[in-house]
């Protein structure tokens, strides 16, 4: 099944190059890239089965915290400190033109998450990116990737390419760090998770927007005194509809309420505040949220 998937991906990439070269000329090819997780779904196809997962659990020790290989021979599947991972075949097309990584949830399996790492846009073929190291300590996931470029004397395809690689995991860590072997860090470009991630234990909701679109930052108080936040973008299913689509666009943990407010400002949700359990449904100010510390 995986070999068929790999062949399909190669065919898609090759067909894209041929069409672009035929229609526009080799160095004038431009792609219409949507900078969202939907732009990468062509390569992020789950090939995991329960049989594969059971095999990985048998072959890999749950106490293992790192699996790595500088030669690119990282196992296709494995278990690291209770986190199951499965590598997705790399592709030279189908990702965002921006350099960074995407996180999104498989709509068919709500326990499965995908991380796609994009190297960016290049004017020729011959560029590659692949995962060489995965570490997980129970809360933080660190992924190291190896990036390669063609030598000046190499023959390469004259077409726009978007190298990317991906990994499937069965749970979403509290913190994710992705770096190249040279130490360059990748920024998170987009996160799209199911709205079930919100949960019911939030203490406050910071909101902004009106009409067909709202942005909300849900705030959770943790036992250690820190705060977790989840950013959610909500849009109506269609114009004038009372039904909404909710998509988680980011999440994290910070040390204070002031830091939560800063995250809400970045997301664009910093407007008014609602407190959980407030039967009056009164709208509160951000200042009231900051002053409501225990």
C-alpha atoms as a PDB file:
ATOM      1  CA  UNK A   1       0.000   0.000   0.000  1.00  0.00           C
ATOM      2  CA  UNK A   2       2.817   2.367   0.882  1.00  0.00           C
ATOM      3  CA  UNK A   3       4.649   1.635  -2.372  1.00  0.00           C
ATOM      4  CA  UNK A   4       1.462   2.458  -4.289  1.00  0.00           C
ATOM      5  CA  UNK A   5       1.133   5.716  -2.303  1.00  0.00           C
ATOM      6  CA  UNK A   6       4.741   6.638  -3.055  1.00  0.00           C
ATOM      7  CA  UNK A   7       4.235   5.963  -6.752  1.00  0.00           C
ATOM      8  CA  UNK A   8       1.071   8.051  -6.736  1.00  0.00           C
ATOM      9  CA  UNK A   9       2.856  10.961  -5.099  1.00  0.00           C
ATOM     10  CA  UNK A  10       5.673  10.759  -7.632  1.00  0.00           C
ATOM     11  CA  UNK A  11       3.163  10.726 -10.478  1.00  0.00           C
ATOM     12  CA  UNK A  12       1.360  13.756  -9.089  1.00  0.00           C
ATOM     13  CA  UNK A  13       4.610  15.690  -8.713  1.00  0.00           C
ATOM     14  CA  UNK A  14       5.826  14.693 -12.175  1.00  0.00           C
ATOM     15  CA  UNK A  15       2.519  15.576 -13.793  1.00  0.00           C
ATOM     16  CA  UNK A  16       2.527  18.973 -12.097  1.00  0.00           C
ATOM     17  CA  UNK A  17       5.995  19.717 -13.432  1.00  0.00           C
ATOM     18  CA  UNK A  18       5.156  18.630 -16.980  1.00  0.00           C
ATOM     19  CA  UNK A  19       1.967  20.677 -17.095  1.00  0.00           C
ATOM     20  CA  UNK A  20       3.718  23.738 -15.689  1.00  0.00           C
ATOM     21  CA  UNK A  21       6.620  23.456 -18.160  1.00  0.00           C
ATOM     22  CA  UNK A  22       4.318  22.983 -21.108  1.00  0.00           C
ATOM     23  CA  UNK A  23       2.104  25.928 -20.222  1.00  0.00           C
ATOM     24  CA  UNK A  24       4.469  28.555 -18.891  1.00  0.00           C
ATOM     25  CA  UNK A  25       8.084  27.865 -19.741  1.00  0.00           C
ATOM     26  CA  UNK A  26      10.562  26.317 -17.323  1.00  0.00           C
ATOM     27  CA  UNK A  27      11.641  29.315 -15.222  1.00  0.00           C
ATOM     28  CA  UNK A  28       8.360  31.213 -15.397  1.00  0.00           C
ATOM     29  CA  UNK A  29       6.274  28.608 -13.630  1.00  0.00           C
ATOM     30  CA  UNK A  30       4.191  30.017 -10.789  1.00  0.00           C
ATOM     31  CA  UNK A  31       1.963  27.984  -8.501  1.00  0.00           C
ATOM     32  CA  UNK A  32      -1.220  29.089  -6.825  1.00  0.00           C
ATOM     33  CA  UNK A  33      -0.360  28.214  -3.257  1.00  0.00           C
ATOM     34  CA  UNK A  34      -2.824  28.472  -0.400  1.00  0.00           C
ATOM     35  CA  UNK A  35      -0.932  29.010   2.826  1.00  0.00           C
ATOM     36  CA  UNK A  36      -3.118  26.756   4.893  1.00  0.00           C
ATOM     37  CA  UNK A  37      -3.018  23.159   6.002  1.00  0.00           C
ATOM     38  CA  UNK A  38      -5.467  22.277   3.213  1.00  0.00           C
ATOM     39  CA  UNK A  39      -2.695  22.963   0.700  1.00  0.00           C
ATOM     40  CA  UNK A  40      -0.681  20.028   1.979  1.00  0.00           C
ATOM     41  CA  UNK A  41      -3.297  17.335   2.297  1.00  0.00           C
ATOM     42  CA  UNK A  42      -2.159  15.769  -0.979  1.00  0.00           C
ATOM     43  CA  UNK A  43       0.884  14.313   0.742  1.00  0.00           C
ATOM     44  CA  UNK A  44      -0.475  13.787   4.216  1.00  0.00           C
ATOM     45  CA  UNK A  45      -2.330  10.541   3.728  1.00  0.00           C
ATOM     46  CA  UNK A  46      -2.435   8.110   6.618  1.00  0.00           C
ATOM     47  CA  UNK A  47      -1.051   4.693   5.763  1.00  0.00           C
ATOM     48  CA  UNK A  48      -1.144   3.488   9.343  1.00  0.00           C
ATOM     49  CA  UNK A  49      -3.026   0.366  10.349  1.00  0.00           C
ATOM     50  CA  UNK A  50      -3.548  -1.203  13.762  1.00  0.00           C
ATOM     51  CA  UNK A  51      -1.260  -4.026  12.639  1.00  0.00           C
ATOM     52  CA  UNK A  52       1.543  -1.534  11.916  1.00  0.00           C
ATOM     53  CA  UNK A  53       1.038   0.103  15.287  1.00  0.00           C
ATOM     54  CA  UNK A  54       1.141  -3.215  17.132  1.00  0.00           C
ATOM     55  CA  UNK A  55       4.342  -4.130  15.298  1.00  0.00           C
ATOM     56  CA  UNK A  56       5.921  -0.805  16.240  1.00  0.00           C
ATOM     57  CA  UNK A  57       4.969  -1.308  19.877  1.00  0.00           C
ATOM     58  CA  UNK A  58       6.596  -4.744  19.843  1.00  0.00           C
ATOM     59  CA  UNK A  59       9.804  -3.616  18.159  1.00  0.00           C
ATOM     60  CA  UNK A  60      10.327  -0.289  19.970  1.00  0.00           C
ATOM     61  CA  UNK A  61      10.784   0.114  23.704  1.00  0.00           C
ATOM     62  CA  UNK A  62       8.312   2.512  25.333  1.00  0.00           C
ATOM     63  CA  UNK A  63      11.173   3.797  27.499  1.00  0.00           C
ATOM     64  CA  UNK A  64      13.071   4.978  24.442  1.00  0.00           C
ATOM     65  CA  UNK A  65      13.154   8.762  24.191  1.00  0.00           C
ATOM     66  CA  UNK A  66      14.921   9.222  20.868  1.00  0.00           C
ATOM     67  CA  UNK A  67      15.203   7.445  17.549  1.00  0.00           C
ATOM     68  CA  UNK A  68      17.645   8.997  15.188  1.00  0.00           C
ATOM     69  CA  UNK A  69      19.858   8.399  12.189  1.00  0.00           C
ATOM     70  CA  UNK A  70      22.191  10.808  10.436  1.00  0.00           C
ATOM     71  CA  UNK A  71      21.962   8.579   7.379  1.00  0.00           C
ATOM     72  CA  UNK A  72      18.212   8.932   7.011  1.00  0.00           C
ATOM     73  CA  UNK A  73      17.439   5.356   8.108  1.00  0.00           C
ATOM     74  CA  UNK A  74      14.961   6.357  10.798  1.00  0.00           C
ATOM     75  CA  UNK A  75      12.396   3.599  11.293  1.00  0.00           C
ATOM     76  CA  UNK A  76       9.155   4.188   9.453  1.00  0.00           C
ATOM     77  CA  UNK A  77       7.123   3.661  12.651  1.00  0.00           C
ATOM     78  CA  UNK A  78       7.881   3.522  16.342  1.00  0.00           C
ATOM     79  CA  UNK A  79       6.952   4.334  19.937  1.00  0.00           C
ATOM     80  CA  UNK A  80       8.815   7.028  21.913  1.00  0.00           C
ATOM     81  CA  UNK A  81       7.804   7.458  25.561  1.00  0.00           C
ATOM     82  CA  UNK A  82       4.267   6.353  24.753  1.00  0.00           C
ATOM     83  CA  UNK A  83       3.948   8.535  21.635  1.00  0.00           C
ATOM     84  CA  UNK A  84       3.368   6.566  18.446  1.00  0.00           C
ATOM     85  CA  UNK A  85       4.784   8.024  15.213  1.00  0.00           C
ATOM     86  CA  UNK A  86       4.596   7.042  11.565  1.00  0.00           C
ATOM     87  CA  UNK A  87       6.636   8.757   8.836  1.00  0.00           C
ATOM     88  CA  UNK A  88       4.816   9.903   5.683  1.00  0.00           C
ATOM     89  CA  UNK A  89       6.637   9.729   2.305  1.00  0.00           C
ATOM     90  CA  UNK A  90       8.258  13.029   1.332  1.00  0.00           C
ATOM     91  CA  UNK A  91       7.108  15.036  -1.664  1.00  0.00           C
ATOM     92  CA  UNK A  92       8.442  17.815  -3.890  1.00  0.00           C
ATOM     93  CA  UNK A  93       5.015  19.374  -4.404  1.00  0.00           C
ATOM     94  CA  UNK A  94       1.742  20.014  -2.665  1.00  0.00           C
ATOM     95  CA  UNK A  95       2.981  22.062   0.299  1.00  0.00           C
ATOM     96  CA  UNK A  96       2.890  25.748   1.116  1.00  0.00           C
ATOM     97  CA  UNK A  97       5.428  28.044  -0.504  1.00  0.00           C
ATOM     98  CA  UNK A  98       6.297  29.284   2.970  1.00  0.00           C
ATOM     99  CA  UNK A  99       8.987  27.652   5.074  1.00  0.00           C
ATOM    100  CA  UNK A 100       7.644  26.228   8.326  1.00  0.00           C
ATOM    101  CA  UNK A 101       5.362  23.492   9.612  1.00  0.00           C
ATOM    102  CA  UNK A 102       1.641  22.744   9.760  1.00  0.00           C
ATOM    103  CA  UNK A 103      -0.317  20.800  12.374  1.00  0.00           C
ATOM    104  CA  UNK A 104      -3.742  19.388  11.684  1.00  0.00           C
ATOM    105  CA  UNK A 105      -6.040  16.626  12.785  1.00  0.00           C
ATOM    106  CA  UNK A 106      -7.181  13.756  10.604  1.00  0.00           C
ATOM    107  CA  UNK A 107     -10.946  14.193  10.229  1.00  0.00           C
ATOM    108  CA  UNK A 108     -11.418  10.430   9.879  1.00  0.00           C
ATOM    109  CA  UNK A 109      -9.461   9.548  13.011  1.00  0.00           C
ATOM    110  CA  UNK A 110      -9.724  12.123  15.802  1.00  0.00           C
ATOM    111  CA  UNK A 111      -6.865  10.485  17.678  1.00  0.00           C
ATOM    112  CA  UNK A 112      -4.465  11.018  14.791  1.00  0.00           C
ATOM    113  CA  UNK A 113      -2.496  14.201  14.087  1.00  0.00           C
ATOM    114  CA  UNK A 114      -0.256  15.182  11.186  1.00  0.00           C
ATOM    115  CA  UNK A 115       2.772  17.471  11.180  1.00  0.00           C
ATOM    116  CA  UNK A 116       3.949  18.569   7.745  1.00  0.00           C
ATOM    117  CA  UNK A 117       7.323  20.332   7.489  1.00  0.00           C
ATOM    118  CA  UNK A 118       7.805  22.541   4.422  1.00  0.00           C
ATOM    119  CA  UNK A 119      11.252  23.633   3.210  1.00  0.00           C
ATOM    120  CA  UNK A 120       9.834  26.536   1.183  1.00  0.00           C
ATOM    121  CA  UNK A 121       9.741  27.392  -2.506  1.00  0.00           C
ATOM    122  CA  UNK A 122      12.610  26.640  -4.895  1.00  0.00           C
ATOM    123  CA  UNK A 123      13.020  27.470  -8.577  1.00  0.00           C
ATOM    124  CA  UNK A 124      14.426  24.024  -9.479  1.00  0.00           C
ATOM    125  CA  UNK A 125      14.188  20.398  -8.498  1.00  0.00           C
ATOM    126  CA  UNK A 126      16.892  18.572  -6.562  1.00  0.00           C
ATOM    127  CA  UNK A 127      15.994  20.016  -3.145  1.00  0.00           C
ATOM    128  CA  UNK A 128      14.920  17.620  -0.420  1.00  0.00           C
ATOM    129  CA  UNK A 129      13.907  17.524   3.239  1.00  0.00           C
ATOM    130  CA  UNK A 130      13.483  14.492   5.489  1.00  0.00           C
ATOM    131  CA  UNK A 131      13.073  13.699   9.178  1.00  0.00           C
ATOM    132  CA  UNK A 132      16.230  12.253  10.754  1.00  0.00           C
ATOM    133  CA  UNK A 133      15.568  12.476  14.486  1.00  0.00           C
ATOM    134  CA  UNK A 134      12.544  12.362  16.796  1.00  0.00           C
ATOM    135  CA  UNK A 135      12.702  12.995  20.549  1.00  0.00           C
ATOM    136  CA  UNK A 136       9.853  13.046  23.053  1.00  0.00           C
ATOM    137  CA  UNK A 137      10.169  13.467  26.832  1.00  0.00           C
ATOM    138  CA  UNK A 138       6.496  13.062  27.673  1.00  0.00           C
ATOM    139  CA  UNK A 139       5.524  16.679  27.024  1.00  0.00           C
ATOM    140  CA  UNK A 140       7.855  18.158  24.390  1.00  0.00           C
ATOM    141  CA  UNK A 141       8.287  16.736  20.900  1.00  0.00           C
ATOM    142  CA  UNK A 142      11.473  17.689  19.045  1.00  0.00           C
ATOM    143  CA  UNK A 143      11.905  16.783  15.390  1.00  0.00           C
ATOM    144  CA  UNK A 144      15.147  17.279  13.474  1.00  0.00           C
ATOM    145  CA  UNK A 145      15.175  17.393   9.687  1.00  0.00           C
ATOM    146  CA  UNK A 146      17.936  17.177   7.089  1.00  0.00           C
ATOM    147  CA  UNK A 147      17.779  19.570   4.140  1.00  0.00           C
ATOM    148  CA  UNK A 148      19.735  18.962   0.945  1.00  0.00           C
ATOM    149  CA  UNK A 149      20.272  21.071  -2.173  1.00  0.00           C
ATOM    150  CA  UNK A 150      21.651  20.144  -5.611  1.00  0.00           C
ATOM    151  CA  UNK A 151      25.296  20.797  -6.423  1.00  0.00           C
ATOM    152  CA  UNK A 152      26.049  23.452  -9.080  1.00  0.00           C
ATOM    153  CA  UNK A 153      26.957  20.685 -11.540  1.00  0.00           C
ATOM    154  CA  UNK A 154      23.834  18.566 -10.909  1.00  0.00           C
ATOM    155  CA  UNK A 155      21.181  18.271 -13.601  1.00  0.00           C
ATOM    156  CA  UNK A 156      17.865  19.450 -12.133  1.00  0.00           C
ATOM    157  CA  UNK A 157      14.314  19.998 -13.309  1.00  0.00           C
ATOM    158  CA  UNK A 158      13.600  23.629 -14.185  1.00  0.00           C
ATOM    159  CA  UNK A 159      10.349  24.032 -12.284  1.00  0.00           C
ATOM    160  CA  UNK A 160       9.028  25.481  -9.036  1.00  0.00           C
ATOM    161  CA  UNK A 161       9.170  22.858  -6.276  1.00  0.00           C
ATOM    162  CA  UNK A 162       7.978  22.787  -2.653  1.00  0.00           C
ATOM    163  CA  UNK A 163       9.865  20.041  -0.762  1.00  0.00           C
ATOM    164  CA  UNK A 164       8.123  18.768   2.342  1.00  0.00           C
ATOM    165  CA  UNK A 165       8.005  15.790   4.663  1.00  0.00           C
ATOM    166  CA  UNK A 166       5.486  14.720   7.277  1.00  0.00           C
ATOM    167  CA  UNK A 167       4.915  12.562  10.324  1.00  0.00           C
ATOM    168  CA  UNK A 168       1.742  11.159  11.844  1.00  0.00           C
ATOM    169  CA  UNK A 169       1.413  10.980  15.648  1.00  0.00           C
ATOM    170  CA  UNK A 170      -1.352   9.590  17.853  1.00  0.00           C
ATOM    171  CA  UNK A 171      -1.404  12.429  20.412  1.00  0.00           C
ATOM    172  CA  UNK A 172      -0.653  16.137  20.388  1.00  0.00           C
ATOM    173  CA  UNK A 173       2.291  17.104  22.644  1.00  0.00           C
ATOM    174  CA  UNK A 174       2.103  20.239  24.765  1.00  0.00           C
ATOM    175  CA  UNK A 175       5.166  21.667  23.007  1.00  0.00           C
ATOM    176  CA  UNK A 176       6.626  21.066  19.552  1.00  0.00           C
ATOM    177  CA  UNK A 177      10.039  22.128  18.278  1.00  0.00           C
ATOM    178  CA  UNK A 178      11.273  21.491  14.748  1.00  0.00           C
ATOM    179  CA  UNK A 179      14.838  22.299  13.718  1.00  0.00           C
ATOM    180  CA  UNK A 180      17.221  21.555  10.868  1.00  0.00           C
ATOM    181  CA  UNK A 181      20.486  19.708  11.443  1.00  0.00           C
ATOM    182  CA  UNK A 182      22.197  23.100  11.190  1.00  0.00           C
ATOM    183  CA  UNK A 183      20.079  24.465  14.039  1.00  0.00           C
ATOM    184  CA  UNK A 184      17.605  26.583  12.030  1.00  0.00           C
ATOM    185  CA  UNK A 185      14.185  26.566  13.703  1.00  0.00           C
ATOM    186  CA  UNK A 186      10.931  26.152  11.764  1.00  0.00           C
ATOM    187  CA  UNK A 187       7.965  28.354  12.687  1.00  0.00           C
ATOM    188  CA  UNK A 188       4.444  26.968  13.000  1.00  0.00           C
ATOM    189  CA  UNK A 189       2.510  28.380  10.029  1.00  0.00           C
ATOM    190  CA  UNK A 190      -0.916  26.942  10.722  1.00  0.00           C
ATOM    191  CA  UNK A 191      -2.745  24.656  13.148  1.00  0.00           C
ATOM    192  CA  UNK A 192      -6.096  23.121  12.310  1.00  0.00           C
ATOM    193  CA  UNK A 193      -7.581  20.812  14.915  1.00  0.00           C
ATOM    194  CA  UNK A 194     -11.055  19.546  15.653  1.00  0.00           C
ATOM    195  CA  UNK A 195     -13.112  21.801  17.942  1.00  0.00           C
ATOM    196  CA  UNK A 196     -13.415  18.904  20.426  1.00  0.00           C
ATOM    197  CA  UNK A 197      -9.955  20.007  21.598  1.00  0.00           C
ATOM    198  CA  UNK A 198     -11.632  22.933  23.373  1.00  0.00           C
ATOM    199  CA  UNK A 199     -13.100  20.848  26.183  1.00  0.00           C
ATOM    200  CA  UNK A 200     -15.317  22.138  28.987  1.00  0.00           C
ATOM    201  CA  UNK A 201     -12.793  23.028  31.680  1.00  0.00           C
ATOM    202  CA  UNK A 202     -11.900  26.526  30.436  1.00  0.00           C
ATOM    203  CA  UNK A 203     -12.112  29.390  32.938  1.00  0.00           C
ATOM    204  CA  UNK A 204     -12.439  32.301  30.513  1.00  0.00           C
ATOM    205  CA  UNK A 205     -12.894  33.046  26.837  1.00  0.00           C
ATOM    206  CA  UNK A 206     -11.337  36.109  25.213  1.00  0.00           C
ATOM    207  CA  UNK A 207     -13.182  37.051  22.004  1.00  0.00           C
ATOM    208  CA  UNK A 208     -13.223  39.475  19.136  1.00  0.00           C
ATOM    209  CA  UNK A 209     -15.144  39.762  15.885  1.00  0.00           C
ATOM    210  CA  UNK A 210     -18.716  39.968  14.698  1.00  0.00           C
ATOM    211  CA  UNK A 211     -21.024  38.736  11.994  1.00  0.00           C
ATOM    212  CA  UNK A 212     -19.761  35.693  10.139  1.00  0.00           C
ATOM    213  CA  UNK A 213     -16.364  35.375  11.814  1.00  0.00           C
ATOM    214  CA  UNK A 214     -15.193  35.259  15.424  1.00  0.00           C
ATOM    215  CA  UNK A 215     -11.820  34.608  17.022  1.00  0.00           C
ATOM    216  CA  UNK A 216     -11.692  33.183  20.539  1.00  0.00           C
ATOM    217  CA  UNK A 217      -8.910  32.353  22.970  1.00  0.00           C
ATOM    218  CA  UNK A 218     -10.003  29.778  25.555  1.00  0.00           C
ATOM    219  CA  UNK A 219      -8.071  29.963  28.823  1.00  0.00           C
ATOM    220  CA  UNK A 220      -7.375  27.061  31.208  1.00  0.00           C
ATOM    221  CA  UNK A 221      -5.725  27.274  34.633  1.00  0.00           C
ATOM    222  CA  UNK A 222      -3.261  24.463  35.284  1.00  0.00           C
ATOM    223  CA  UNK A 223      -2.411  22.910  38.695  1.00  0.00           C
ATOM    224  CA  UNK A 224       1.130  24.328  38.595  1.00  0.00           C
ATOM    225  CA  UNK A 225      -0.168  27.905  38.314  1.00  0.00           C
ATOM    226  CA  UNK A 226       0.474  28.228  34.588  1.00  0.00           C
ATOM    227  CA  UNK A 227      -2.170  28.811  31.935  1.00  0.00           C
ATOM    228  CA  UNK A 228      -3.041  26.863  28.815  1.00  0.00           C
ATOM    229  CA  UNK A 229      -4.678  28.623  25.888  1.00  0.00           C
ATOM    230  CA  UNK A 230      -6.397  27.407  22.740  1.00  0.00           C
ATOM    231  CA  UNK A 231      -7.074  29.778  19.834  1.00  0.00           C
ATOM    232  CA  UNK A 232     -10.236  29.043  17.854  1.00  0.00           C
ATOM    233  CA  UNK A 233     -11.469  30.601  14.629  1.00  0.00           C
ATOM    234  CA  UNK A 234     -15.219  30.346  14.092  1.00  0.00           C
ATOM    235  CA  UNK A 235     -17.033  31.066  10.829  1.00  0.00           C
ATOM    236  CA  UNK A 236     -20.677  30.575   9.893  1.00  0.00           C
ATOM    237  CA  UNK A 237     -21.404  27.637   7.595  1.00  0.00           C
ATOM    238  CA  UNK A 238     -22.886  30.063   5.075  1.00  0.00           C
ATOM    239  CA  UNK A 239     -24.056  33.682   4.889  1.00  0.00           C
ATOM    240  CA  UNK A 240     -26.663  34.433   7.560  1.00  0.00           C
ATOM    241  CA  UNK A 241     -26.530  30.928   9.043  1.00  0.00           C
ATOM    242  CA  UNK A 242     -26.791  30.352  12.791  1.00  0.00           C
ATOM    243  CA  UNK A 243     -24.566  27.283  12.473  1.00  0.00           C
ATOM    244  CA  UNK A 244     -20.809  27.637  12.891  1.00  0.00           C
ATOM    245  CA  UNK A 245     -17.612  25.856  11.940  1.00  0.00           C
ATOM    246  CA  UNK A 246     -14.977  25.915  14.672  1.00  0.00           C
ATOM    247  CA  UNK A 247     -11.292  25.279  13.943  1.00  0.00           C
ATOM    248  CA  UNK A 248      -8.479  25.302  16.485  1.00  0.00           C
ATOM    249  CA  UNK A 249      -5.705  27.487  15.080  1.00  0.00           C
ATOM    250  CA  UNK A 250      -3.111  27.340  17.841  1.00  0.00           C
ATOM    251  CA  UNK A 251      -2.438  26.310  21.418  1.00  0.00           C
ATOM    252  CA  UNK A 252       0.226  26.581  24.083  1.00  0.00           C
ATOM    253  CA  UNK A 253       1.130  27.076  27.736  1.00  0.00           C
ATOM    254  CA  UNK A 254       2.280  30.344  29.324  1.00  0.00           C
ATOM    255  CA  UNK A 255       3.248  31.521  32.814  1.00  0.00           C
ATOM    256  CA  UNK A 256       0.694  34.272  33.440  1.00  0.00           C
ATOM    257  CA  UNK A 257      -2.617  35.848  32.460  1.00  0.00           C
ATOM    258  CA  UNK A 258      -0.687  38.757  30.995  1.00  0.00           C
ATOM    259  CA  UNK A 259       1.035  36.304  28.651  1.00  0.00           C
ATOM    260  CA  UNK A 260      -2.353  34.865  27.673  1.00  0.00           C
ATOM    261  CA  UNK A 261      -3.549  38.349  26.726  1.00  0.00           C
ATOM    262  CA  UNK A 262      -0.431  38.845  24.589  1.00  0.00           C
ATOM    263  CA  UNK A 263      -1.185  35.592  22.757  1.00  0.00           C
ATOM    264  CA  UNK A 264      -4.781  36.728  22.237  1.00  0.00           C
ATOM    265  CA  UNK A 265      -3.523  40.018  20.759  1.00  0.00           C
ATOM    266  CA  UNK A 266      -1.315  38.126  18.312  1.00  0.00           C
ATOM    267  CA  UNK A 267      -4.259  35.939  17.286  1.00  0.00           C
ATOM    268  CA  UNK A 268      -6.655  38.868  16.970  1.00  0.00           C
ATOM    269  CA  UNK A 269      -9.110  37.715  19.648  1.00  0.00           C
ATOM    270  CA  UNK A 270      -8.344  40.356  22.278  1.00  0.00           C
ATOM    271  CA  UNK A 271     -11.644  42.195  22.586  1.00  0.00           C
ATOM    272  CA  UNK A 272     -14.005  41.220  25.397  1.00  0.00           C
ATOM    273  CA  UNK A 273     -14.091  38.398  27.951  1.00  0.00           C
ATOM    274  CA  UNK A 274     -16.653  35.834  29.113  1.00  0.00           C
ATOM    275  CA  UNK A 275     -16.117  33.841  32.308  1.00  0.00           C
ATOM    276  CA  UNK A 276     -17.129  30.187  32.579  1.00  0.00           C
ATOM    277  CA  UNK A 277     -20.159  29.582  34.769  1.00  0.00           C
ATOM    278  CA  UNK A 278     -21.357  33.185  34.565  1.00  0.00           C
ATOM    279  CA  UNK A 279     -25.120  32.727  34.317  1.00  0.00           C
ATOM    280  CA  UNK A 280     -25.615  36.414  33.563  1.00  0.00           C
ATOM    281  CA  UNK A 281     -23.513  36.055  30.410  1.00  0.00           C
ATOM    282  CA  UNK A 282     -22.160  39.521  31.128  1.00  0.00           C
ATOM    283  CA  UNK A 283     -19.380  40.804  28.890  1.00  0.00           C
ATOM    284  CA  UNK A 284     -16.209  41.675  30.788  1.00  0.00           C
ATOM    285  CA  UNK A 285     -13.116  43.671  29.887  1.00  0.00           C
ATOM    286  CA  UNK A 286      -9.591  42.300  29.495  1.00  0.00           C
ATOM    287  CA  UNK A 287      -8.640  44.356  32.565  1.00  0.00           C
ATOM    288  CA  UNK A 288     -11.238  42.431  34.601  1.00  0.00           C
ATOM    289  CA  UNK A 289      -9.744  39.155  33.358  1.00  0.00           C
ATOM    290  CA  UNK A 290      -6.285  40.255  34.495  1.00  0.00           C
ATOM    291  CA  UNK A 291      -7.620  41.366  37.875  1.00  0.00           C
ATOM    292  CA  UNK A 292      -9.461  38.086  38.478  1.00  0.00           C
ATOM    293  CA  UNK A 293      -6.364  36.191  39.645  1.00  0.00           C
ATOM    294  CA  UNK A 294      -6.816  33.986  42.636  1.00  0.00           C
END
